[in-house]
Amino acid sequence: MVISPAARPAQGLALVPALLSFVRFAHTVFALPFALAGAFLARMEVPAISLMGWILLAMAGARSLAMALNRLIDAEIDARNPRTAMRELPSGRLTRTQVAWFCAASLAALILAVSQLPRITWYLCAVPVVLFVLYPYAKRVTWACHLLLGITIGIAPVGGWLAVTGEFAVAPLLLWCAVATWIAGFDVIYALLDEDFDRAQGVQSMPARFGRVGALRITRGLHVATSAFLVATGIAVGAGAIYYVGVAVCAVVLIYENIAVADGSPDRIKAAFGVANGVLAVAFFAFVLAEVAFS
């Protein structure tokens, strides 16, 4: 990777904003609400504050590790893509060594957190870490990489559930499927921004393989599945009316998102990715919290 002579790696306090931008900290809003929803639905109550603290630390560590590994492994591809060439690694704002240390710190935070959670989380914490490594390479070999991303991020509510109960159940697995299909669907939408680049460079994606129209049809199917899995999750936990109102709100957001990006406009795609999906995640958690509070 060639670093521009004008580029200088961030040092000292300047590392903080550089790293927050590097891992897209704001995008934590996608997975975290579902991890918390899994924890709340586990016993249909608000977990103890101390337990919530460890869950939050585990999520922060896992999410930061996932994004850092993705950016580190994809640095050469990002450097060739005009849309991503100014990211922290390709531009030289961060070095590979700095990112490697950040990965180590994120992994340490995850390990510390699961050491305070039920034993099963310790045994299983390697599963998401392996998925974090596999996903960046998947886009080099298969257009189904979006599904692997969904499976990887979708594991969050299972983690929240296990942190509370220490046991598997049908409900968190259904919620995993809901988040997986939702994430995979909007990742396909986001990949529309790089359709031409991916096709030219041999990067695998659904838009590059099936074109915009075909990819968006797949997204719509995935998001229909998301709504169905959310309903099934509610049935599995015995949720009440408030929960299903939340599911209806999520379905409306998904419908809006799919309509908004139908013309392939980059501005609409970015808005749908950053705003609509954030609204969906926060709204779902808000209705889960209300369901728990008033049930």
C-alpha atoms as a PDB file:
ATOM      1  CA  MET A   1       0.000   0.000   0.000  1.00  0.00           C
ATOM      2  CA  VAL A   2       1.418   3.366  -0.992  1.00  0.00           C
ATOM      3  CA  ILE A   3       0.936   6.209   1.469  1.00  0.00           C
ATOM      4  CA  SER A   4       0.743   9.724   0.136  1.00  0.00           C
ATOM      5  CA  PRO A   5       3.721  11.873   1.205  1.00  0.00           C
ATOM      6  CA  ALA A   6       1.241  14.317   2.716  1.00  0.00           C
ATOM      7  CA  ALA A   7      -0.366  11.619   4.862  1.00  0.00           C
ATOM      8  CA  ARG A   8       0.807  11.235   8.440  1.00  0.00           C
ATOM      9  CA  PRO A   9      -0.368   8.498  10.832  1.00  0.00           C
ATOM     10  CA  ALA A  10      -2.426   9.822  13.725  1.00  0.00           C
ATOM     11  CA  GLN A  11      -0.595   9.976  17.045  1.00  0.00           C
ATOM     12  CA  GLY A  12      -1.483  10.679  20.667  1.00  0.00           C
ATOM     13  CA  LEU A  13      -4.964  12.011  21.296  1.00  0.00           C
ATOM     14  CA  ALA A  14      -5.539  12.273  17.540  1.00  0.00           C
ATOM     15  CA  LEU A  15      -5.713   8.469  17.525  1.00  0.00           C
ATOM     16  CA  VAL A  16      -9.088   8.536  19.287  1.00  0.00           C
ATOM     17  CA  PRO A  17     -11.146  10.234  16.541  1.00  0.00           C
ATOM     18  CA  ALA A  18      -9.177   8.347  13.901  1.00  0.00           C
ATOM     19  CA  LEU A  19     -10.021   4.988  15.470  1.00  0.00           C
ATOM     20  CA  LEU A  20     -13.670   5.924  16.071  1.00  0.00           C
ATOM     21  CA  SER A  21     -13.967   6.882  12.412  1.00  0.00           C
ATOM     22  CA  PHE A  22     -12.057   3.748  11.406  1.00  0.00           C
ATOM     23  CA  VAL A  23     -14.513   1.362  13.075  1.00  0.00           C
ATOM     24  CA  ARG A  24     -17.542   3.505  12.156  1.00  0.00           C
ATOM     25  CA  PHE A  25     -18.556   3.677  15.810  1.00  0.00           C
ATOM     26  CA  ALA A  26     -21.956   5.149  14.907  1.00  0.00           C
ATOM     27  CA  HIS A  27     -22.801   1.914  13.081  1.00  0.00           C
ATOM     28  CA  THR A  28     -22.853   0.130  16.438  1.00  0.00           C
ATOM     29  CA  VAL A  29     -26.520   1.132  16.432  1.00  0.00           C
ATOM     30  CA  PHE A  30     -27.192  -1.723  14.010  1.00  0.00           C
ATOM     31  CA  ALA A  31     -26.201  -4.689  16.210  1.00  0.00           C
ATOM     32  CA  LEU A  32     -26.225  -3.370  19.776  1.00  0.00           C
ATOM     33  CA  PRO A  33     -30.015  -2.834  20.097  1.00  0.00           C
ATOM     34  CA  PHE A  34     -30.589  -6.430  19.017  1.00  0.00           C
ATOM     35  CA  ALA A  35     -28.022  -7.752  21.490  1.00  0.00           C
ATOM     36  CA  LEU A  36     -29.825  -5.849  24.241  1.00  0.00           C
ATOM     37  CA  ALA A  37     -33.187  -7.067  22.923  1.00  0.00           C
ATOM     38  CA  GLY A  38     -31.926 -10.642  23.210  1.00  0.00           C
ATOM     39  CA  ALA A  39     -30.898  -9.985  26.807  1.00  0.00           C
ATOM     40  CA  PHE A  40     -34.247  -8.378  27.698  1.00  0.00           C
ATOM     41  CA  LEU A  41     -36.358 -11.058  26.014  1.00  0.00           C
ATOM     42  CA  ALA A  42     -34.422 -13.870  27.704  1.00  0.00           C
ATOM     43  CA  ARG A  43     -36.384 -13.507  30.939  1.00  0.00           C
ATOM     44  CA  MET A  44     -38.792 -10.753  29.868  1.00  0.00           C
ATOM     45  CA  GLU A  45     -37.140  -8.399  32.335  1.00  0.00           C
ATOM     46  CA  VAL A  46     -34.395  -5.783  32.512  1.00  0.00           C
ATOM     47  CA  PRO A  47     -31.089  -7.479  33.460  1.00  0.00           C
ATOM     48  CA  ALA A  48     -28.997  -6.255  36.391  1.00  0.00           C
ATOM     49  CA  ILE A  49     -26.904  -3.161  35.694  1.00  0.00           C
ATOM     50  CA  SER A  50     -23.639  -5.045  36.268  1.00  0.00           C
ATOM     51  CA  LEU A  51     -24.633  -7.704  33.761  1.00  0.00           C
ATOM     52  CA  MET A  52     -25.631  -5.046  31.251  1.00  0.00           C
ATOM     53  CA  GLY A  53     -22.194  -3.482  31.658  1.00  0.00           C
ATOM     54  CA  TRP A  54     -20.422  -6.707  30.725  1.00  0.00           C
ATOM     55  CA  ILE A  55     -22.760  -7.254  27.773  1.00  0.00           C
ATOM     56  CA  LEU A  56     -22.012  -3.741  26.519  1.00  0.00           C
ATOM     57  CA  LEU A  57     -18.269  -4.291  26.884  1.00  0.00           C
ATOM     58  CA  ALA A  58     -18.485  -7.607  25.037  1.00  0.00           C
ATOM     59  CA  MET A  59     -20.454  -5.984  22.230  1.00  0.00           C
ATOM     60  CA  ALA A  60     -18.057  -3.034  21.985  1.00  0.00           C
ATOM     61  CA  GLY A  61     -15.057  -5.349  21.852  1.00  0.00           C
ATOM     62  CA  ALA A  62     -16.618  -7.718  19.332  1.00  0.00           C
ATOM     63  CA  ARG A  63     -17.951  -5.024  17.062  1.00  0.00           C
ATOM     64  CA  SER A  64     -14.670  -3.057  17.083  1.00  0.00           C
ATOM     65  CA  LEU A  65     -12.680  -6.223  16.390  1.00  0.00           C
ATOM     66  CA  ALA A  66     -14.977  -7.185  13.511  1.00  0.00           C
ATOM     67  CA  MET A  67     -14.732  -3.819  11.778  1.00  0.00           C
ATOM     68  CA  ALA A  68     -10.985  -3.469  12.366  1.00  0.00           C
ATOM     69  CA  LEU A  69     -10.268  -6.919  10.917  1.00  0.00           C
ATOM     70  CA  ASN A  70     -12.500  -6.171   7.927  1.00  0.00           C
ATOM     71  CA  ARG A  71     -10.708  -2.898   7.217  1.00  0.00           C
ATOM     72  CA  LEU A  72      -7.274  -4.453   7.773  1.00  0.00           C
ATOM     73  CA  ILE A  73      -7.874  -7.420   5.474  1.00  0.00           C
ATOM     74  CA  ASP A  74      -9.551  -5.246   2.822  1.00  0.00           C
ATOM     75  CA  ALA A  75      -7.003  -2.410   2.891  1.00  0.00           C
ATOM     76  CA  GLU A  76      -5.582  -3.183  -0.562  1.00  0.00           C
ATOM     77  CA  ILE A  77      -9.042  -3.425  -2.140  1.00  0.00           C
ATOM     78  CA  ASP A  78     -10.096  -0.189  -0.436  1.00  0.00           C
ATOM     79  CA  ALA A  79      -6.989   1.550  -1.777  1.00  0.00           C
ATOM     80  CA  ARG A  80      -8.014   0.732  -5.366  1.00  0.00           C
ATOM     81  CA  ASN A  81     -11.631   1.852  -4.929  1.00  0.00           C
ATOM     82  CA  PRO A  82     -12.165   5.621  -5.388  1.00  0.00           C
ATOM     83  CA  ARG A  83     -15.067   5.504  -2.923  1.00  0.00           C
ATOM     84  CA  THR A  84     -12.943   4.012  -0.127  1.00  0.00           C
ATOM     85  CA  ALA A  85      -9.421   5.189  -0.947  1.00  0.00           C
ATOM     86  CA  MET A  86      -9.548   7.894   1.726  1.00  0.00           C
ATOM     87  CA  ARG A  87     -10.360   5.488   4.538  1.00  0.00           C
ATOM     88  CA  GLU A  88      -7.893   5.542   7.407  1.00  0.00           C
ATOM     89  CA  LEU A  89      -5.634   2.681   6.294  1.00  0.00           C
ATOM     90  CA  PRO A  90      -5.418   3.390   2.538  1.00  0.00           C
ATOM     91  CA  SER A  91      -4.867   7.106   3.172  1.00  0.00           C
ATOM     92  CA  GLY A  92      -2.168   6.466   5.775  1.00  0.00           C
ATOM     93  CA  ARG A  93      -4.025   8.120   8.653  1.00  0.00           C
ATOM     94  CA  LEU A  94      -3.612   4.837  10.529  1.00  0.00           C
ATOM     95  CA  THR A  95      -0.859   2.243  10.140  1.00  0.00           C
ATOM     96  CA  ARG A  96      -1.226  -1.528  10.038  1.00  0.00           C
ATOM     97  CA  THR A  97       0.655  -1.748  13.328  1.00  0.00           C
ATOM     98  CA  GLN A  98      -1.754   0.649  15.025  1.00  0.00           C
ATOM     99  CA  VAL A  99      -4.725  -1.312  13.703  1.00  0.00           C
ATOM    100  CA  ALA A 100      -3.181  -4.608  14.826  1.00  0.00           C
ATOM    101  CA  TRP A 101      -2.806  -3.253  18.365  1.00  0.00           C
ATOM    102  CA  PHE A 102      -6.382  -1.997  18.248  1.00  0.00           C
ATOM    103  CA  CYS A 103      -7.528  -5.486  17.218  1.00  0.00           C
ATOM    104  CA  ALA A 104      -5.625  -6.950  20.171  1.00  0.00           C
ATOM    105  CA  ALA A 105      -7.203  -4.457  22.570  1.00  0.00           C
ATOM    106  CA  SER A 106     -10.683  -5.148  21.195  1.00  0.00           C
ATOM    107  CA  LEU A 107     -10.174  -8.903  21.548  1.00  0.00           C
ATOM    108  CA  ALA A 108      -8.926  -8.401  25.101  1.00  0.00           C
ATOM    109  CA  ALA A 109     -12.075  -6.413  25.947  1.00  0.00           C
ATOM    110  CA  LEU A 110     -14.234  -9.202  24.528  1.00  0.00           C
ATOM    111  CA  ILE A 111     -12.368 -11.882  26.494  1.00  0.00           C
ATOM    112  CA  LEU A 112     -12.542  -9.866  29.716  1.00  0.00           C
ATOM    113  CA  ALA A 113     -16.284  -9.385  29.289  1.00  0.00           C
ATOM    114  CA  VAL A 114     -17.125 -13.034  28.572  1.00  0.00           C
ATOM    115  CA  SER A 115     -14.988 -14.095  31.542  1.00  0.00           C
ATOM    116  CA  GLN A 116     -17.624 -12.404  33.709  1.00  0.00           C
ATOM    117  CA  LEU A 117     -20.568 -13.971  31.868  1.00  0.00           C
ATOM    118  CA  PRO A 118     -21.937 -17.550  31.937  1.00  0.00           C
ATOM    119  CA  ARG A 119     -19.375 -20.226  31.111  1.00  0.00           C
ATOM    120  CA  ILE A 120     -21.005 -21.041  27.759  1.00  0.00           C
ATOM    121  CA  THR A 121     -20.129 -17.572  26.432  1.00  0.00           C
ATOM    122  CA  TRP A 122     -16.464 -18.271  27.159  1.00  0.00           C
ATOM    123  CA  TYR A 123     -16.592 -21.527  25.235  1.00  0.00           C
ATOM    124  CA  LEU A 124     -18.390 -19.975  22.273  1.00  0.00           C
ATOM    125  CA  CYS A 125     -16.686 -16.582  21.987  1.00  0.00           C
ATOM    126  CA  ALA A 126     -14.276 -17.987  19.391  1.00  0.00           C
ATOM    127  CA  VAL A 127     -17.197 -18.561  16.991  1.00  0.00           C
ATOM    128  CA  PRO A 128     -17.848 -14.879  16.181  1.00  0.00           C
ATOM    129  CA  VAL A 129     -14.109 -14.168  16.092  1.00  0.00           C
ATOM    130  CA  VAL A 130     -13.638 -16.834  13.404  1.00  0.00           C
ATOM    131  CA  LEU A 131     -16.572 -15.370  11.468  1.00  0.00           C
ATOM    132  CA  PHE A 132     -14.995 -11.899  11.726  1.00  0.00           C
ATOM    133  CA  VAL A 133     -11.926 -13.256   9.917  1.00  0.00           C
ATOM    134  CA  LEU A 134     -13.833 -15.298   7.337  1.00  0.00           C
ATOM    135  CA  TYR A 135     -16.181 -12.567   6.114  1.00  0.00           C
ATOM    136  CA  PRO A 136     -13.603 -10.292   4.423  1.00  0.00           C
ATOM    137  CA  TYR A 137     -12.241 -13.254   2.492  1.00  0.00           C
ATOM    138  CA  ALA A 138     -15.727 -14.468   1.513  1.00  0.00           C
ATOM    139  CA  LYS A 139     -16.215 -11.515  -0.825  1.00  0.00           C
ATOM    140  CA  ARG A 140     -13.202 -12.772  -2.776  1.00  0.00           C
ATOM    141  CA  VAL A 141     -14.812 -16.122  -3.540  1.00  0.00           C
ATOM    142  CA  THR A 142     -18.626 -15.912  -3.417  1.00  0.00           C
ATOM    143  CA  TRP A 143     -21.454 -13.477  -4.081  1.00  0.00           C
ATOM    144  CA  ALA A 144     -23.164 -15.003  -1.021  1.00  0.00           C
ATOM    145  CA  CYS A 145     -20.765 -13.029   1.187  1.00  0.00           C
ATOM    146  CA  HIS A 146     -23.670 -10.777   2.249  1.00  0.00           C
ATOM    147  CA  LEU A 147     -25.319 -13.774   3.892  1.00  0.00           C
ATOM    148  CA  LEU A 148     -22.154 -14.539   5.856  1.00  0.00           C
ATOM    149  CA  LEU A 149     -22.052 -10.930   7.049  1.00  0.00           C
ATOM    150  CA  GLY A 150     -25.660 -11.250   8.186  1.00  0.00           C
ATOM    151  CA  ILE A 151     -24.912 -14.476  10.043  1.00  0.00           C
ATOM    152  CA  THR A 152     -21.862 -12.866  11.658  1.00  0.00           C
ATOM    153  CA  ILE A 153     -23.572  -9.718  12.933  1.00  0.00           C
ATOM    154  CA  GLY A 154     -26.861 -11.508  13.544  1.00  0.00           C
ATOM    155  CA  ILE A 155     -25.288 -13.571  16.307  1.00  0.00           C
ATOM    156  CA  ALA A 156     -25.524 -10.525  18.608  1.00  0.00           C
ATOM    157  CA  PRO A 157     -28.961 -11.317  20.131  1.00  0.00           C
ATOM    158  CA  VAL A 158     -27.857 -14.899  20.791  1.00  0.00           C
ATOM    159  CA  GLY A 159     -24.947 -13.492  22.762  1.00  0.00           C
ATOM    160  CA  GLY A 160     -27.274 -11.238  24.739  1.00  0.00           C
ATOM    161  CA  TRP A 161     -29.608 -14.155  25.504  1.00  0.00           C
ATOM    162  CA  LEU A 162     -26.777 -16.483  26.574  1.00  0.00           C
ATOM    163  CA  ALA A 163     -25.303 -13.763  28.785  1.00  0.00           C
ATOM    164  CA  VAL A 164     -28.539 -13.751  30.783  1.00  0.00           C
ATOM    165  CA  THR A 165     -29.603 -17.408  30.766  1.00  0.00           C
ATOM    166  CA  GLY A 166     -26.490 -19.391  29.917  1.00  0.00           C
ATOM    167  CA  GLU A 167     -28.707 -21.647  27.788  1.00  0.00           C
ATOM    168  CA  PHE A 168     -29.792 -21.897  24.165  1.00  0.00           C
ATOM    169  CA  ALA A 169     -33.452 -21.631  23.183  1.00  0.00           C
ATOM    170  CA  VAL A 170     -35.497 -21.366  20.012  1.00  0.00           C
ATOM    171  CA  ALA A 171     -36.294 -17.657  20.410  1.00  0.00           C
ATOM    172  CA  PRO A 172     -32.738 -16.267  20.174  1.00  0.00           C
ATOM    173  CA  LEU A 173     -32.033 -18.483  17.178  1.00  0.00           C
ATOM    174  CA  LEU A 174     -35.089 -17.053  15.435  1.00  0.00           C
ATOM    175  CA  LEU A 175     -33.967 -13.533  16.319  1.00  0.00           C
ATOM    176  CA  TRP A 176     -30.523 -14.404  14.941  1.00  0.00           C
ATOM    177  CA  CYS A 177     -32.204 -15.346  11.648  1.00  0.00           C
ATOM    178  CA  ALA A 178     -34.168 -12.086  11.673  1.00  0.00           C
ATOM    179  CA  VAL A 179     -31.078  -9.955  12.151  1.00  0.00           C
ATOM    180  CA  ALA A 180     -29.069 -12.055   9.680  1.00  0.00           C
ATOM    181  CA  THR A 181     -31.590 -11.591   6.858  1.00  0.00           C
ATOM    182  CA  TRP A 182     -31.996  -7.898   7.670  1.00  0.00           C
ATOM    183  CA  ILE A 183     -28.238  -7.248   7.670  1.00  0.00           C
ATOM    184  CA  ALA A 184     -27.660  -9.335   4.539  1.00  0.00           C
ATOM    185  CA  GLY A 185     -30.425  -7.452   2.750  1.00  0.00           C
ATOM    186  CA  PHE A 186     -29.159  -3.983   3.492  1.00  0.00           C
ATOM    187  CA  ASP A 187     -25.571  -5.035   2.780  1.00  0.00           C
ATOM    188  CA  VAL A 188     -26.728  -5.999  -0.713  1.00  0.00           C
ATOM    189  CA  ILE A 189     -28.218  -2.495  -1.016  1.00  0.00           C
ATOM    190  CA  TYR A 190     -24.956  -0.914   0.140  1.00  0.00           C
ATOM    191  CA  ALA A 191     -22.983  -3.029  -2.350  1.00  0.00           C
ATOM    192  CA  LEU A 192     -24.856  -1.264  -5.169  1.00  0.00           C
ATOM    193  CA  LEU A 193     -22.465   1.660  -4.604  1.00  0.00           C
ATOM    194  CA  ASP A 194     -19.562  -0.520  -5.771  1.00  0.00           C
ATOM    195  CA  GLU A 195     -21.310  -2.594  -8.435  1.00  0.00           C
ATOM    196  CA  ASP A 196     -19.100  -1.453 -11.327  1.00  0.00           C
ATOM    197  CA  PHE A 197     -15.895  -1.535  -9.280  1.00  0.00           C
ATOM    198  CA  ASP A 198     -16.613  -5.001  -7.914  1.00  0.00           C
ATOM    199  CA  ARG A 199     -17.337  -6.378 -11.368  1.00  0.00           C
ATOM    200  CA  ALA A 200     -14.154  -4.849 -12.808  1.00  0.00           C
ATOM    201  CA  GLN A 201     -11.934  -5.960  -9.923  1.00  0.00           C
ATOM    202  CA  GLY A 202     -13.399  -9.428  -9.459  1.00  0.00           C
ATOM    203  CA  VAL A 203     -14.847  -8.669  -6.029  1.00  0.00           C
ATOM    204  CA  GLN A 204     -17.845 -10.917  -5.448  1.00  0.00           C
ATOM    205  CA  SER A 205     -21.226  -9.364  -4.609  1.00  0.00           C
ATOM    206  CA  MET A 206     -24.855  -9.868  -5.517  1.00  0.00           C
ATOM    207  CA  PRO A 207     -25.076  -6.595  -7.476  1.00  0.00           C
ATOM    208  CA  ALA A 208     -21.968  -7.556  -9.453  1.00  0.00           C
ATOM    209  CA  ARG A 209     -23.377 -11.021 -10.123  1.00  0.00           C
ATOM    210  CA  PHE A 210     -27.082 -10.314 -10.684  1.00  0.00           C
ATOM    211  CA  GLY A 211     -27.196  -6.594 -11.468  1.00  0.00           C
ATOM    212  CA  ARG A 212     -29.159  -3.954  -9.581  1.00  0.00           C
ATOM    213  CA  VAL A 213     -32.613  -5.297 -10.362  1.00  0.00           C
ATOM    214  CA  GLY A 214     -31.782  -8.896  -9.484  1.00  0.00           C
ATOM    215  CA  ALA A 215     -29.930  -7.901  -6.313  1.00  0.00           C
ATOM    216  CA  LEU A 216     -32.822  -5.776  -5.086  1.00  0.00           C
ATOM    217  CA  ARG A 217     -35.241  -8.649  -5.668  1.00  0.00           C
ATOM    218  CA  ILE A 218     -33.073 -10.774  -3.382  1.00  0.00           C
ATOM    219  CA  THR A 219     -33.032  -7.979  -0.807  1.00  0.00           C
ATOM    220  CA  ARG A 220     -36.817  -7.794  -0.810  1.00  0.00           C
ATOM    221  CA  GLY A 221     -37.012 -11.545  -0.236  1.00  0.00           C
ATOM    222  CA  LEU A 222     -34.534 -11.334   2.624  1.00  0.00           C
ATOM    223  CA  HIS A 223     -36.473  -8.510   4.266  1.00  0.00           C
ATOM    224  CA  VAL A 224     -39.768 -10.377   3.991  1.00  0.00           C
ATOM    225  CA  ALA A 225     -37.985 -13.200   5.825  1.00  0.00           C
ATOM    226  CA  THR A 226     -36.820 -10.680   8.456  1.00  0.00           C
ATOM    227  CA  SER A 227     -40.400  -9.724   9.288  1.00  0.00           C
ATOM    228  CA  ALA A 228     -41.456 -13.373   9.436  1.00  0.00           C
ATOM    229  CA  PHE A 229     -38.603 -14.263  11.791  1.00  0.00           C
ATOM    230  CA  LEU A 230     -39.438 -11.302  14.057  1.00  0.00           C
ATOM    231  CA  VAL A 231     -43.021 -12.533  14.298  1.00  0.00           C
ATOM    232  CA  ALA A 232     -41.793 -16.061  15.027  1.00  0.00           C
ATOM    233  CA  THR A 233     -39.504 -14.709  17.761  1.00  0.00           C
ATOM    234  CA  GLY A 234     -42.467 -13.016  19.420  1.00  0.00           C
ATOM    235  CA  ILE A 235     -44.449 -16.255  19.362  1.00  0.00           C
ATOM    236  CA  ALA A 236     -41.497 -18.148  20.854  1.00  0.00           C
ATOM    237  CA  VAL A 237     -41.166 -15.775  23.827  1.00  0.00           C
ATOM    238  CA  GLY A 238     -44.892 -15.297  24.313  1.00  0.00           C
ATOM    239  CA  ALA A 239     -44.741 -11.586  23.549  1.00  0.00           C
ATOM    240  CA  GLY A 240     -47.762  -9.319  23.749  1.00  0.00           C
ATOM    241  CA  ALA A 241     -49.296  -6.665  21.532  1.00  0.00           C
ATOM    242  CA  ILE A 242     -46.602  -4.042  22.137  1.00  0.00           C
ATOM    243  CA  TYR A 243     -43.940  -6.297  20.669  1.00  0.00           C
ATOM    244  CA  TYR A 244     -45.967  -6.928  17.512  1.00  0.00           C
ATOM    245  CA  VAL A 245     -46.571  -3.206  17.031  1.00  0.00           C
ATOM    246  CA  GLY A 246     -42.791  -2.912  17.051  1.00  0.00           C
ATOM    247  CA  VAL A 247     -42.532  -5.622  14.422  1.00  0.00           C
ATOM    248  CA  ALA A 248     -45.070  -3.743  12.287  1.00  0.00           C
ATOM    249  CA  VAL A 249     -42.994  -0.563  12.594  1.00  0.00           C
ATOM    250  CA  CYS A 250     -39.898  -2.491  11.498  1.00  0.00           C
ATOM    251  CA  ALA A 251     -41.788  -3.891   8.512  1.00  0.00           C
ATOM    252  CA  VAL A 252     -42.846  -0.381   7.463  1.00  0.00           C
ATOM    253  CA  VAL A 253     -39.220   0.803   7.681  1.00  0.00           C
ATOM    254  CA  LEU A 254     -38.111  -2.126   5.528  1.00  0.00           C
ATOM    255  CA  ILE A 255     -40.789  -1.354   2.944  1.00  0.00           C
ATOM    256  CA  TYR A 256     -39.694   2.286   2.869  1.00  0.00           C
ATOM    257  CA  GLU A 257     -36.042   1.281   2.533  1.00  0.00           C
ATOM    258  CA  ASN A 258     -36.683  -1.021  -0.412  1.00  0.00           C
ATOM    259  CA  ILE A 259     -38.825   1.545  -2.201  1.00  0.00           C
ATOM    260  CA  ALA A 260     -36.328   4.343  -1.583  1.00  0.00           C
ATOM    261  CA  VAL A 261     -33.375   2.523  -3.166  1.00  0.00           C
ATOM    262  CA  ALA A 262     -35.256   1.090  -6.143  1.00  0.00           C
ATOM    263  CA  ASP A 263     -33.732   3.598  -8.584  1.00  0.00           C
ATOM    264  CA  GLY A 264     -30.171   2.915  -7.403  1.00  0.00           C
ATOM    265  CA  SER A 265     -29.522   6.550  -6.432  1.00  0.00           C
ATOM    266  CA  PRO A 266     -26.285   6.708  -4.357  1.00  0.00           C
ATOM    267  CA  ASP A 267     -27.735   9.411  -2.090  1.00  0.00           C
ATOM    268  CA  ARG A 268     -30.819   7.320  -1.365  1.00  0.00           C
ATOM    269  CA  ILE A 269     -28.717   4.230  -0.778  1.00  0.00           C
ATOM    270  CA  LYS A 270     -26.537   6.054   1.747  1.00  0.00           C
ATOM    271  CA  ALA A 271     -29.604   7.523   3.465  1.00  0.00           C
ATOM    272  CA  ALA A 272     -31.306   4.142   3.650  1.00  0.00           C
ATOM    273  CA  PHE A 273     -28.150   2.511   5.006  1.00  0.00           C
ATOM    274  CA  GLY A 274     -27.361   5.089   7.651  1.00  0.00           C
ATOM    275  CA  VAL A 275     -30.793   6.329   8.691  1.00  0.00           C
ATOM    276  CA  ALA A 276     -33.503   3.773   7.939  1.00  0.00           C
ATOM    277  CA  ASN A 277     -31.563   0.860   9.380  1.00  0.00           C
ATOM    278  CA  GLY A 278     -30.608   2.806  12.480  1.00  0.00           C
ATOM    279  CA  VAL A 279     -34.258   3.751  13.007  1.00  0.00           C
ATOM    280  CA  LEU A 280     -35.301   0.115  12.619  1.00  0.00           C
ATOM    281  CA  ALA A 281     -32.811  -1.190  15.191  1.00  0.00           C
ATOM    282  CA  VAL A 282     -33.576   1.489  17.783  1.00  0.00           C
ATOM    283  CA  ALA A 283     -37.335   1.189  17.252  1.00  0.00           C
ATOM    284  CA  PHE A 284     -37.248  -2.580  17.693  1.00  0.00           C
ATOM    285  CA  PHE A 285     -35.348  -2.291  20.965  1.00  0.00           C
ATOM    286  CA  ALA A 286     -37.662   0.481  22.192  1.00  0.00           C
ATOM    287  CA  PHE A 287     -40.717  -1.714  21.658  1.00  0.00           C
ATOM    288  CA  VAL A 288     -38.989  -4.692  23.283  1.00  0.00           C
ATOM    289  CA  LEU A 289     -38.212  -2.497  26.293  1.00  0.00           C
ATOM    290  CA  ALA A 290     -41.825  -1.330  26.418  1.00  0.00           C
ATOM    291  CA  GLU A 291     -43.050  -4.923  26.129  1.00  0.00           C
ATOM    292  CA  VAL A 292     -40.853  -5.969  29.048  1.00  0.00           C
ATOM    293  CA  ALA A 293     -41.780  -2.932  31.133  1.00  0.00           C
ATOM    294  CA  PHE A 294     -45.542  -3.329  30.717  1.00  0.00           C
ATOM    295  CA  SER A 295     -45.921  -7.092  30.464  1.00  0.00           C
END
